[in-house]
All heavy atoms as atom14 arrays in JSON, in Angstrom:
{
  "sequence": "VVEGLESLPDGWEGTVASDSMVTLRRMLAPLSPWSGCPE",
  "atom14_mask": [
    [1, 1, 1, 1, 1, 1, 1, 0, 0, 0, 0, 0, 0, 0],
    [1, 1, 1, 1, 1, 1, 1, 0, 0, 0, 0, 0, 0, 0],
    [1, 1, 1, 1, 1, 1, 1, 1, 1, 0, 0, 0, 0, 0],
    [1, 1, 1, 1, 0, 0, 0, 0, 0, 0, 0, 0, 0, 0],
    [1, 1, 1, 1, 1, 1, 1, 1, 0, 0, 0, 0, 0, 0],
    [1, 1, 1, 1, 1, 1, 1, 1, 1, 0, 0, 0, 0, 0],
    [1, 1, 1, 1, 1, 1, 0, 0, 0, 0, 0, 0, 0, 0],
    [1, 1, 1, 1, 1, 1, 1, 1, 0, 0, 0, 0, 0, 0],
    [1, 1, 1, 1, 1, 1, 1, 0, 0, 0, 0, 0, 0, 0],
    [1, 1, 1, 1, 1, 1, 1, 1, 0, 0, 0, 0, 0, 0],
    [1, 1, 1, 1, 0, 0, 0, 0, 0, 0, 0, 0, 0, 0],
    [1, 1, 1, 1, 1, 1, 1, 1, 1, 1, 1, 1, 1, 1],
    [1, 1, 1, 1, 1, 1, 1, 1, 1, 0, 0, 0, 0, 0],
    [1, 1, 1, 1, 0, 0, 0, 0, 0, 0, 0, 0, 0, 0],
    [1, 1, 1, 1, 1, 1, 1, 0, 0, 0, 0, 0, 0, 0],
    [1, 1, 1, 1, 1, 1, 1, 0, 0, 0, 0, 0, 0, 0],
    [1, 1, 1, 1, 1, 0, 0, 0, 0, 0, 0, 0, 0, 0],
    [1, 1, 1, 1, 1, 1, 0, 0, 0, 0, 0, 0, 0, 0],
    [1, 1, 1, 1, 1, 1, 1, 1, 0, 0, 0, 0, 0, 0],
    [1, 1, 1, 1, 1, 1, 0, 0, 0, 0, 0, 0, 0, 0],
    [1, 1, 1, 1, 1, 1, 1, 1, 0, 0, 0, 0, 0, 0],
    [1, 1, 1, 1, 1, 1, 1, 0, 0, 0, 0, 0, 0, 0],
    [1, 1, 1, 1, 1, 1, 1, 0, 0, 0, 0, 0, 0, 0],
    [1, 1, 1, 1, 1, 1, 1, 1, 0, 0, 0, 0, 0, 0],
    [1, 1, 1, 1, 1, 1, 1, 1, 1, 1, 1, 0, 0, 0],
    [1, 1, 1, 1, 1, 1, 1, 1, 1, 1, 1, 0, 0, 0],
    [1, 1, 1, 1, 1, 1, 1, 1, 0, 0, 0, 0, 0, 0],
    [1, 1, 1, 1, 1, 1, 1, 1, 0, 0, 0, 0, 0, 0],
    [1, 1, 1, 1, 1, 0, 0, 0, 0, 0, 0, 0, 0, 0],
    [1, 1, 1, 1, 1, 1, 1, 0, 0, 0, 0, 0, 0, 0],
    [1, 1, 1, 1, 1, 1, 1, 1, 0, 0, 0, 0, 0, 0],
    [1, 1, 1, 1, 1, 1, 0, 0, 0, 0, 0, 0, 0, 0],
    [1, 1, 1, 1, 1, 1, 1, 0, 0, 0, 0, 0, 0, 0],
    [1, 1, 1, 1, 1, 1, 1, 1, 1, 1, 1, 1, 1, 1],
    [1, 1, 1, 1, 1, 1, 0, 0, 0, 0, 0, 0, 0, 0],
    [1, 1, 1, 1, 0, 0, 0, 0, 0, 0, 0, 0, 0, 0],
    [1, 1, 1, 1, 1, 1, 0, 0, 0, 0, 0, 0, 0, 0],
    [1, 1, 1, 1, 1, 1, 1, 0, 0, 0, 0, 0, 0, 0],
    [1, 1, 1, 1, 1, 1, 1, 1, 1, 0, 0, 0, 0, 0]
  ],
  "atom14_positions": [
    [[-59.49, -15.5, 237.66], [-58.9, -15.72, 236.43], [-60.01, -16.03, 235.33], [-59.91, -15.51, 234.25], [-57.92, -16.99, 236.45], [-57.52, -17.5, 235.04], [-56.72, -16.7, 237.29], [0.0, 0.0, 0.0], [0.0, 0.0, 0.0], [0.0, 0.0, 0.0], [0.0, 0.0, 0.0], [0.0, 0.0, 0.0], [0.0, 0.0, 0.0], [0.0, 0.0, 0.0]],
    [[-60.94, -16.9, 235.62], [-62.01, -17.23, 234.72], [-62.81, -15.99, 234.35], [-63.08, -15.78, 233.14], [-62.98, -18.29, 235.31], [-64.19, -18.46, 234.46], [-62.17, -19.62, 235.45], [0.0, 0.0, 0.0], [0.0, 0.0, 0.0], [0.0, 0.0, 0.0], [0.0, 0.0, 0.0], [0.0, 0.0, 0.0], [0.0, 0.0, 0.0], [0.0, 0.0, 0.0]],
    [[-63.16, -15.18, 235.32], [-63.91, -13.93, 235.02], [-63.09, -13.03, 234.11], [-63.63, -12.45, 233.15], [-64.26, -13.2, 236.32], [-65.29, -13.87, 237.17], [-66.66, -13.71, 236.7], [-66.97, -13.01, 235.68], [-67.56, -14.41, 237.25], [0.0, 0.0, 0.0], [0.0, 0.0, 0.0], [0.0, 0.0, 0.0], [0.0, 0.0, 0.0], [0.0, 0.0, 0.0]],
    [[-61.77, -12.95, 234.31], [-60.94, -12.13, 233.47], [-60.87, -12.71, 232.02], [-60.96, -12.0, 231.03], [0.0, 0.0, 0.0], [0.0, 0.0, 0.0], [0.0, 0.0, 0.0], [0.0, 0.0, 0.0], [0.0, 0.0, 0.0], [0.0, 0.0, 0.0], [0.0, 0.0, 0.0], [0.0, 0.0, 0.0], [0.0, 0.0, 0.0], [0.0, 0.0, 0.0]],
    [[-60.66, -14.01, 231.91], [-60.5, -14.66, 230.59], [-61.82, -14.51, 229.85], [-61.79, -14.29, 228.61], [-60.18, -16.1, 230.75], [-58.81, -16.45, 231.33], [-58.61, -17.99, 231.4], [-57.7, -15.83, 230.54], [0.0, 0.0, 0.0], [0.0, 0.0, 0.0], [0.0, 0.0, 0.0], [0.0, 0.0, 0.0], [0.0, 0.0, 0.0], [0.0, 0.0, 0.0]],
    [[-62.97, -14.57, 230.52], [-64.21, -14.4, 229.84], [-64.43, -13.05, 229.28], [-65.33, -12.86, 228.39], [-65.35, -14.84, 230.74], [-65.43, -16.29, 231.1], [-66.52, -16.74, 232.05], [-67.02, -15.8, 232.74], [-66.81, -17.9, 232.15], [0.0, 0.0, 0.0], [0.0, 0.0, 0.0], [0.0, 0.0, 0.0], [0.0, 0.0, 0.0], [0.0, 0.0, 0.0]],
    [[-63.76, -12.08, 229.81], [-63.92, -10.68, 229.35], [-63.01, -10.42, 228.08], [-63.14, -9.33, 227.48], [-63.44, -9.68, 230.43], [-62.03, -9.65, 230.57], [0.0, 0.0, 0.0], [0.0, 0.0, 0.0], [0.0, 0.0, 0.0], [0.0, 0.0, 0.0], [0.0, 0.0, 0.0], [0.0, 0.0, 0.0], [0.0, 0.0, 0.0], [0.0, 0.0, 0.0]],
    [[-62.18, -11.3, 227.59], [-61.16, -11.12, 226.58], [-61.78, -11.45, 225.3], [-62.59, -12.32, 225.09], [-59.91, -11.92, 226.9], [-59.23, -11.63, 228.19], [-58.12, -12.58, 228.44], [-58.68, -10.23, 228.23], [0.0, 0.0, 0.0], [0.0, 0.0, 0.0], [0.0, 0.0, 0.0], [0.0, 0.0, 0.0], [0.0, 0.0, 0.0], [0.0, 0.0, 0.0]],
    [[-61.23, -10.81, 224.2], [-61.68, -11.08, 222.84], [-61.14, -12.46, 222.38], [-60.13, -12.96, 222.85], [-61.14, -9.98, 222.02], [-59.91, -9.56, 222.79], [-60.25, -9.72, 224.2], [0.0, 0.0, 0.0], [0.0, 0.0, 0.0], [0.0, 0.0, 0.0], [0.0, 0.0, 0.0], [0.0, 0.0, 0.0], [0.0, 0.0, 0.0], [0.0, 0.0, 0.0]],
    [[-61.84, -13.06, 221.41], [-61.37, -14.31, 220.84], [-59.93, -14.22, 220.34], [-59.55, -13.18, 219.74], [-62.23, -14.76, 219.64], [-63.66, -15.15, 220.11], [-63.8, -15.33, 221.35], [-64.56, -15.29, 219.24], [0.0, 0.0, 0.0], [0.0, 0.0, 0.0], [0.0, 0.0, 0.0], [0.0, 0.0, 0.0], [0.0, 0.0, 0.0], [0.0, 0.0, 0.0]],
    [[-59.14, -15.2, 220.55], [-57.78, -15.28, 220.1], [-56.78, -14.46, 220.97], [-55.58, -14.45, 220.55], [0.0, 0.0, 0.0], [0.0, 0.0, 0.0], [0.0, 0.0, 0.0], [0.0, 0.0, 0.0], [0.0, 0.0, 0.0], [0.0, 0.0, 0.0], [0.0, 0.0, 0.0], [0.0, 0.0, 0.0], [0.0, 0.0, 0.0], [0.0, 0.0, 0.0]],
    [[-57.22, -13.9, 221.99], [-56.37, -13.15, 222.87], [-55.15, -13.99, 223.25], [-55.34, -15.08, 223.68], [-57.06, -12.53, 224.07], [-56.33, -11.69, 224.97], [-56.19, -10.23, 224.94], [-55.5, -11.99, 226.17], [-55.46, -9.81, 225.96], [-55.04, -10.8, 226.77], [-55.2, -13.27, 226.76], [-54.18, -10.87, 227.85], [-54.38, -13.23, 227.89], [-53.91, -12.06, 228.38]],
    [[-53.92, -13.37, 223.28], [-52.73, -14.06, 223.76], [-52.05, -13.04, 224.7], [-52.01, -11.89, 224.45], [-51.79, -14.44, 222.65], [-52.33, -15.5, 221.75], [-51.28, -15.94, 220.67], [-50.19, -15.33, 220.63], [-51.54, -16.9, 219.94], [0.0, 0.0, 0.0], [0.0, 0.0, 0.0], [0.0, 0.0, 0.0], [0.0, 0.0, 0.0], [0.0, 0.0, 0.0]],
    [[-51.56, -13.63, 225.78], [-50.82, -12.76, 226.73], [-50.45, -13.46, 227.99], [-50.42, -14.74, 228.06], [0.0, 0.0, 0.0], [0.0, 0.0, 0.0], [0.0, 0.0, 0.0], [0.0, 0.0, 0.0], [0.0, 0.0, 0.0], [0.0, 0.0, 0.0], [0.0, 0.0, 0.0], [0.0, 0.0, 0.0], [0.0, 0.0, 0.0], [0.0, 0.0, 0.0]],
    [[-50.23, -12.69, 229.06], [-49.78, -13.21, 230.35], [-50.83, -13.01, 231.38], [-51.42, -11.95, 231.48], [-48.46, -12.33, 230.82], [-47.45, -12.58, 229.8], [-47.93, -12.91, 232.07], [0.0, 0.0, 0.0], [0.0, 0.0, 0.0], [0.0, 0.0, 0.0], [0.0, 0.0, 0.0], [0.0, 0.0, 0.0], [0.0, 0.0, 0.0], [0.0, 0.0, 0.0]],
    [[-51.03, -14.09, 232.15], [-51.88, -14.03, 233.32], [-50.97, -14.03, 234.59], [-50.16, -14.9, 234.79], [-52.83, -15.3, 233.34], [-53.72, -15.2, 234.61], [-53.72, -15.29, 232.09], [0.0, 0.0, 0.0], [0.0, 0.0, 0.0], [0.0, 0.0, 0.0], [0.0, 0.0, 0.0], [0.0, 0.0, 0.0], [0.0, 0.0, 0.0], [0.0, 0.0, 0.0]],
    [[-51.14, -12.96, 235.36], [-50.34, -12.83, 236.63], [-51.18, -12.99, 237.82], [-52.25, -12.42, 237.94], [-49.7, -11.43, 236.64], [0.0, 0.0, 0.0], [0.0, 0.0, 0.0], [0.0, 0.0, 0.0], [0.0, 0.0, 0.0], [0.0, 0.0, 0.0], [0.0, 0.0, 0.0], [0.0, 0.0, 0.0], [0.0, 0.0, 0.0], [0.0, 0.0, 0.0]],
    [[-50.71, -13.88, 238.7], [-51.47, -14.18, 239.94], [-50.48, -14.43, 241.03], [-49.36, -14.77, 240.83], [-52.31, -15.51, 239.71], [-52.86, -15.92, 240.84], [0.0, 0.0, 0.0], [0.0, 0.0, 0.0], [0.0, 0.0, 0.0], [0.0, 0.0, 0.0], [0.0, 0.0, 0.0], [0.0, 0.0, 0.0], [0.0, 0.0, 0.0], [0.0, 0.0, 0.0]],
    [[-50.96, -14.25, 242.28], [-50.14, -14.54, 243.46], [-50.43, -15.95, 243.98], [-50.13, -16.27, 245.06], [-50.25, -13.47, 244.54], [-51.6, -13.27, 245.01], [-52.44, -14.13, 244.86], [-51.84, -12.2, 245.69], [0.0, 0.0, 0.0], [0.0, 0.0, 0.0], [0.0, 0.0, 0.0], [0.0, 0.0, 0.0], [0.0, 0.0, 0.0], [0.0, 0.0, 0.0]],
    [[-51.24, -16.7, 243.22], [-51.6, -18.09, 243.62], [-50.93, -19.1, 242.79], [-51.28, -19.3, 241.52], [-53.1, -18.26, 243.54], [-53.51, -19.6, 243.7], [0.0, 0.0, 0.0], [0.0, 0.0, 0.0], [0.0, 0.0, 0.0], [0.0, 0.0, 0.0], [0.0, 0.0, 0.0], [0.0, 0.0, 0.0], [0.0, 0.0, 0.0], [0.0, 0.0, 0.0]],
    [[-49.97, -19.79, 243.34], [-49.27, -20.82, 242.58], [-50.25, -22.0, 242.19], [-50.16, -22.57, 241.12], [-48.11, -21.41, 243.42], [-47.28, -22.46, 242.66], [-45.84, -23.09, 243.62], [-44.8, -21.61, 243.7], [0.0, 0.0, 0.0], [0.0, 0.0, 0.0], [0.0, 0.0, 0.0], [0.0, 0.0, 0.0], [0.0, 0.0, 0.0], [0.0, 0.0, 0.0]],
    [[-51.14, -22.29, 243.12], [-52.14, -23.43, 242.83], [-52.92, -23.08, 241.55], [-53.14, -23.92, 240.77], [-53.04, -23.61, 244.07], [-54.24, -24.52, 243.69], [-52.28, -24.16, 245.31], [0.0, 0.0, 0.0], [0.0, 0.0, 0.0], [0.0, 0.0, 0.0], [0.0, 0.0, 0.0], [0.0, 0.0, 0.0], [0.0, 0.0, 0.0], [0.0, 0.0, 0.0]],
    [[-53.39, -21.88, 241.52], [-54.19, -21.45, 240.37], [-53.4, -21.53, 239.02], [-53.92, -22.04, 238.01], [-54.7, -20.01, 240.56], [-55.6, -20.0, 241.73], [-55.46, -19.52, 239.31], [0.0, 0.0, 0.0], [0.0, 0.0, 0.0], [0.0, 0.0, 0.0], [0.0, 0.0, 0.0], [0.0, 0.0, 0.0], [0.0, 0.0, 0.0], [0.0, 0.0, 0.0]],
    [[-52.15, -21.03, 239.05], [-51.35, -21.07, 237.8], [-51.07, -22.55, 237.42], [-51.08, -22.83, 236.22], [-50.05, -20.3, 238.06], [-50.23, -18.77, 238.2], [-48.88, -18.12, 238.59], [-50.77, -18.1, 236.88], [0.0, 0.0, 0.0], [0.0, 0.0, 0.0], [0.0, 0.0, 0.0], [0.0, 0.0, 0.0], [0.0, 0.0, 0.0], [0.0, 0.0, 0.0]],
    [[-50.82, -23.37, 238.35], [-50.55, -24.73, 238.04], [-51.81, -25.42, 237.45], [-51.72, -26.15, 236.5], [-50.04, -25.58, 239.24], [-48.66, -25.22, 239.67], [-48.16, -26.19, 240.71], [-46.78, -25.9, 241.2], [-45.68, -26.2, 240.52], [-45.81, -26.88, 239.39], [-44.51, -25.9, 241.01], [0.0, 0.0, 0.0], [0.0, 0.0, 0.0], [0.0, 0.0, 0.0]],
    [[-52.96, -25.11, 237.98], [-54.21, -25.61, 237.47], [-54.44, -25.19, 236.03], [-54.9, -25.91, 235.22], [-55.37, -25.22, 238.38], [-55.54, -26.03, 239.7], [-56.62, -25.5, 240.49], [-56.88, -26.39, 241.66], [-57.64, -26.12, 242.68], [-58.3, -24.96, 242.7], [-57.85, -27.04, 243.63], [0.0, 0.0, 0.0], [0.0, 0.0, 0.0], [0.0, 0.0, 0.0]],
    [[-54.05, -23.96, 235.77], [-54.23, -23.37, 234.45], [-53.35, -24.12, 233.41], [-53.81, -24.45, 232.33], [-53.92, -21.9, 234.43], [-54.98, -21.0, 235.08], [-54.35, -19.34, 235.17], [-53.97, -19.04, 233.38], [0.0, 0.0, 0.0], [0.0, 0.0, 0.0], [0.0, 0.0, 0.0], [0.0, 0.0, 0.0], [0.0, 0.0, 0.0], [0.0, 0.0, 0.0]],
    [[-52.05, -24.17, 233.76], [-51.05, -24.44, 232.7], [-50.18, -25.63, 232.9], [-49.39, -25.99, 232.02], [-50.18, -23.21, 232.55], [-50.92, -21.87, 232.21], [-49.99, -20.7, 232.31], [-51.55, -22.01, 230.87], [0.0, 0.0, 0.0], [0.0, 0.0, 0.0], [0.0, 0.0, 0.0], [0.0, 0.0, 0.0], [0.0, 0.0, 0.0], [0.0, 0.0, 0.0]],
    [[-50.3, -26.29, 234.06], [-49.63, -27.61, 234.18], [-50.61, -28.77, 234.02], [-51.5, -28.93, 234.82], [-48.93, -27.66, 235.58], [0.0, 0.0, 0.0], [0.0, 0.0, 0.0], [0.0, 0.0, 0.0], [0.0, 0.0, 0.0], [0.0, 0.0, 0.0], [0.0, 0.0, 0.0], [0.0, 0.0, 0.0], [0.0, 0.0, 0.0], [0.0, 0.0, 0.0]],
    [[-50.56, -29.53, 233.02], [-51.57, -30.5, 232.58], [-51.85, -31.5, 233.66], [-53.06, -31.94, 233.74], [-50.94, -31.18, 231.37], [-49.94, -30.16, 230.78], [-49.38, -29.47, 231.97], [0.0, 0.0, 0.0], [0.0, 0.0, 0.0], [0.0, 0.0, 0.0], [0.0, 0.0, 0.0], [0.0, 0.0, 0.0], [0.0, 0.0, 0.0], [0.0, 0.0, 0.0]],
    [[-50.99, -31.92, 234.53], [-51.21, -32.95, 235.5], [-51.64, -32.41, 236.87], [-51.79, -33.18, 237.75], [-49.95, -33.9, 235.6], [-49.62, -34.59, 234.31], [-48.32, -35.5, 234.6], [-50.69, -35.37, 233.72], [0.0, 0.0, 0.0], [0.0, 0.0, 0.0], [0.0, 0.0, 0.0], [0.0, 0.0, 0.0], [0.0, 0.0, 0.0], [0.0, 0.0, 0.0]],
    [[-51.76, -31.07, 237.04], [-52.08, -30.55, 238.28], [-53.56, -30.89, 238.66], [-54.46, -30.77, 237.79], [-51.9, -29.01, 238.33], [-50.56, -28.73, 238.27], [0.0, 0.0, 0.0], [0.0, 0.0, 0.0], [0.0, 0.0, 0.0], [0.0, 0.0, 0.0], [0.0, 0.0, 0.0], [0.0, 0.0, 0.0], [0.0, 0.0, 0.0], [0.0, 0.0, 0.0]],
    [[-53.83, -31.31, 239.88], [-55.22, -31.62, 240.26], [-56.1, -30.44, 240.44], [-55.6, -29.36, 240.85], [-54.98, -32.37, 241.61], [-53.75, -31.77, 242.16], [-52.83, -31.51, 241.01], [0.0, 0.0, 0.0], [0.0, 0.0, 0.0], [0.0, 0.0, 0.0], [0.0, 0.0, 0.0], [0.0, 0.0, 0.0], [0.0, 0.0, 0.0], [0.0, 0.0, 0.0]],
    [[-57.34, -30.65, 240.23], [-58.36, -29.56, 240.45], [-59.25, -29.92, 241.61], [-60.35, -29.51, 241.79], [-59.27, -29.42, 239.21], [-58.57, -28.63, 238.09], [-57.51, -28.99, 237.39], [-59.02, -27.39, 237.59], [-57.24, -28.06, 236.4], [-58.07, -27.08, 236.52], [-59.97, -26.47, 237.89], [-58.16, -25.89, 235.75], [-60.07, -25.3, 237.13], [-59.14, -25.03, 236.15]],
    [[-58.83, -30.82, 242.51], [-59.61, -31.28, 243.59], [-59.95, -30.16, 244.49], [-59.16, -29.22, 244.79], [-58.85, -32.36, 244.41], [-57.61, -31.81, 244.88], [0.0, 0.0, 0.0], [0.0, 0.0, 0.0], [0.0, 0.0, 0.0], [0.0, 0.0, 0.0], [0.0, 0.0, 0.0], [0.0, 0.0, 0.0], [0.0, 0.0, 0.0], [0.0, 0.0, 0.0]],
    [[-61.26, -30.05, 244.95], [-61.67, -28.99, 245.75], [-62.2, -27.78, 244.99], [-62.79, -26.89, 245.59], [0.0, 0.0, 0.0], [0.0, 0.0, 0.0], [0.0, 0.0, 0.0], [0.0, 0.0, 0.0], [0.0, 0.0, 0.0], [0.0, 0.0, 0.0], [0.0, 0.0, 0.0], [0.0, 0.0, 0.0], [0.0, 0.0, 0.0], [0.0, 0.0, 0.0]],
    [[-62.01, -27.77, 243.66], [-62.52, -26.67, 242.84], [-63.83, -27.14, 242.17], [-63.87, -28.21, 241.63], [-61.45, -26.29, 241.77], [-61.82, -24.78, 240.93], [0.0, 0.0, 0.0], [0.0, 0.0, 0.0], [0.0, 0.0, 0.0], [0.0, 0.0, 0.0], [0.0, 0.0, 0.0], [0.0, 0.0, 0.0], [0.0, 0.0, 0.0], [0.0, 0.0, 0.0]],
    [[-64.85, -26.28, 242.22], [-66.16, -26.64, 241.6], [-65.95, -27.04, 240.13], [-65.25, -26.38, 239.38], [-67.01, -25.38, 241.8], [-66.34, -24.71, 242.91], [-64.92, -24.87, 242.85], [0.0, 0.0, 0.0], [0.0, 0.0, 0.0], [0.0, 0.0, 0.0], [0.0, 0.0, 0.0], [0.0, 0.0, 0.0], [0.0, 0.0, 0.0], [0.0, 0.0, 0.0]],
    [[-66.63, -28.09, 239.69], [-66.46, -28.58, 238.37], [-66.97, -27.52, 237.31], [-66.36, -27.38, 236.24], [-67.37, -29.85, 238.16], [-67.3, -30.48, 236.77], [-65.88, -30.91, 236.33], [-65.09, -31.23, 237.33], [-65.57, -30.98, 235.13], [0.0, 0.0, 0.0], [0.0, 0.0, 0.0], [0.0, 0.0, 0.0], [0.0, 0.0, 0.0], [0.0, 0.0, 0.0]]
  ]
}
């Protein structure tokens, strides 16, 4: 996800599709933990 977002132009808006629920929650659910993911 991060590599993809870094390739996008400033202000890009759209949909990120993933088969990882953990990743999507980390992205967009404010209270989801990032434990185990490199800072």
